[in-house]
C-alpha atoms as a PDB file:
ATOM      1  CA  UNK A   1      90.647  90.260 115.710  1.00  0.00           C
ATOM      2  CA  UNK A   2      89.038  89.616 113.098  1.00  0.00           C
ATOM      3  CA  UNK A   3      92.443  87.839 111.470  1.00  0.00           C
ATOM      4  CA  UNK A   4      92.017  85.212 114.051  1.00  0.00           C
ATOM      5  CA  UNK A   5      88.557  84.830 113.601  1.00  0.00           C
ATOM      6  CA  UNK A   6      88.810  83.651 110.012  1.00  0.00           C
ATOM      7  CA  UNK A   7      91.577  81.676 111.027  1.00  0.00           C
ATOM      8  CA  UNK A   8      89.509  79.676 113.478  1.00  0.00           C
ATOM      9  CA  UNK A   9      86.959  79.173 110.665  1.00  0.00           C
ATOM     10  CA  UNK A  10      89.668  77.824 107.808  1.00  0.00           C
ATOM     11  CA  UNK A  11      90.870  75.698 110.588  1.00  0.00           C
ATOM     12  CA  UNK A  12      87.439  74.158 111.497  1.00  0.00           C
ATOM     13  CA  UNK A  13      86.787  73.478 107.923  1.00  0.00           C
ATOM     14  CA  UNK A  14      90.037  71.159 107.419  1.00  0.00           C
ATOM     15  CA  UNK A  15      88.860  69.232 110.666  1.00  0.00           C
ATOM     16  CA  UNK A  16      85.318  68.809 109.150  1.00  0.00           C
ATOM     17  CA  UNK A  17      86.774  66.638 105.720  1.00  0.00           C
ATOM     18  CA  UNK A  18      84.657  63.491 106.871  1.00  0.00           C
ATOM     19  CA  UNK A  19      82.113  63.165 104.507  1.00  0.00           C
ATOM     20  CA  UNK A  20      78.933  63.778 106.382  1.00  0.00           C
ATOM     21  CA  UNK A  21      76.714  60.454 107.188  1.00  0.00           C
ATOM     22  CA  UNK A  22      73.632  61.778 106.399  1.00  0.00           C
ATOM     23  CA  UNK A  23      74.531  61.917 102.864  1.00  0.00           C
ATOM     24  CA  UNK A  24      76.178  59.206 102.609  1.00  0.00           C
ATOM     25  CA  UNK A  25      73.543  57.640 100.705  1.00  0.00           C
ATOM     26  CA  UNK A  26      74.663  60.138  98.316  1.00  0.00           C
ATOM     27  CA  UNK A  27      78.154  59.361  97.688  1.00  0.00           C
ATOM     28  CA  UNK A  28      77.860  55.303  97.617  1.00  0.00           C
ATOM     29  CA  UNK A  29      75.312  53.578  95.232  1.00  0.00           C
ATOM     30  CA  UNK A  30      74.090  50.099  96.634  1.00  0.00           C
ATOM     31  CA  UNK A  31      75.966  47.309  94.172  1.00  0.00           C
ATOM     32  CA  UNK A  32      72.291  47.002  92.609  1.00  0.00           C
ATOM     33  CA  UNK A  33      71.676  50.524  91.950  1.00  0.00           C
ATOM     34  CA  UNK A  34      74.486  50.741  89.288  1.00  0.00           C
ATOM     35  CA  UNK A  35      71.986  52.914  87.066  1.00  0.00           C
ATOM     36  CA  UNK A  36      70.456  55.056  88.946  1.00  0.00           C
ATOM     37  CA  UNK A  37      67.318  56.703  87.875  1.00  0.00           C
ATOM     38  CA  UNK A  38      68.493  60.636  86.030  1.00  0.00           C
ATOM     39  CA  UNK A  39      67.537  63.089  87.763  1.00  0.00           C
ATOM     40  CA  UNK A  40      65.527  66.047  85.614  1.00  0.00           C
ATOM     41  CA  UNK A  41      68.666  67.818  85.657  1.00  0.00           C
ATOM     42  CA  UNK A  42      70.312  65.096  84.216  1.00  0.00           C
ATOM     43  CA  UNK A  43      67.502  64.859  81.274  1.00  0.00           C
ATOM     44  CA  UNK A  44      68.165  68.635  80.937  1.00  0.00           C
ATOM     45  CA  UNK A  45      71.495  68.691  80.861  1.00  0.00           C
ATOM     46  CA  UNK A  46      71.774  65.460  78.292  1.00  0.00           C
ATOM     47  CA  UNK A  47      68.664  68.022  76.406  1.00  0.00           C
ATOM     48  CA  UNK A  48      71.449  70.624  76.249  1.00  0.00           C
ATOM     49  CA  UNK A  49      74.392  68.365  75.065  1.00  0.00           C
ATOM     50  CA  UNK A  50      71.901  66.787  72.196  1.00  0.00           C
ATOM     51  CA  UNK A  51      71.958  68.569  68.660  1.00  0.00           C
ATOM     52  CA  UNK A  52      68.521  69.944  68.073  1.00  0.00           C
ATOM     53  CA  UNK A  53      67.327  67.063  65.870  1.00  0.00           C
ATOM     54  CA  UNK A  54      66.784  67.335  61.562  1.00  0.00           C
ATOM     55  CA  UNK A  55      63.066  65.603  62.037  1.00  0.00           C
ATOM     56  CA  UNK A  56      61.554  68.672  64.112  1.00  0.00           C
ATOM     57  CA  UNK A  57      63.550  71.343  61.745  1.00  0.00           C
ATOM     58  CA  UNK A  58      61.842  69.807  58.223  1.00  0.00           C
ATOM     59  CA  UNK A  59      58.466  69.656  60.219  1.00  0.00           C
ATOM     60  CA  UNK A  60      58.037  73.417  60.986  1.00  0.00           C
ATOM     61  CA  UNK A  61      58.185  74.226  56.663  1.00  0.00           C
ATOM     62  CA  UNK A  62      55.625  72.257  56.008  1.00  0.00           C
ATOM     63  CA  UNK A  63      54.183  73.674  58.790  1.00  0.00           C
ATOM     64  CA  UNK A  64      53.799  76.919  57.964  1.00  0.00           C
ATOM     65  CA  UNK A  65      52.807  75.894  54.208  1.00  0.00           C
ATOM     66  CA  UNK A  66      49.891  74.449  54.964  1.00  0.00           C
ATOM     67  CA  UNK A  67      48.609  77.660  57.002  1.00  0.00           C
ATOM     68  CA  UNK A  68      49.634  79.722  54.187  1.00  0.00           C
ATOM     69  CA  UNK A  69      48.287  77.585  50.774  1.00  0.00           C
ATOM     70  CA  UNK A  70      44.955  77.415  53.041  1.00  0.00           C
ATOM     71  CA  UNK A  71      41.778  78.546  51.389  1.00  0.00           C
ATOM     72  CA  UNK A  72      39.722  80.886  53.596  1.00  0.00           C
END
C-alpha cells in the first residue's frame, strides 16, 4: 500500500515540470536588467572566494607595536 502512494507522488512530480508562473520573474531577467543588483548571499560568497588582502595583514603589526611601546 505504501509503495503505491510513493509511486503516485513520484508521478505527480514528473507531471509538474512546468516552471511556476509565480517564479517567472526569478527565471527570466528583463532585457534592461542585464546586471542585476548582487544579493547579500552573492556578496558574501564573493568575499569568501577572494583571498584576504595583504594590506589588512600589514596594518595589524603596526597597530600592535603602537600598543606595546605606548608610554603609560
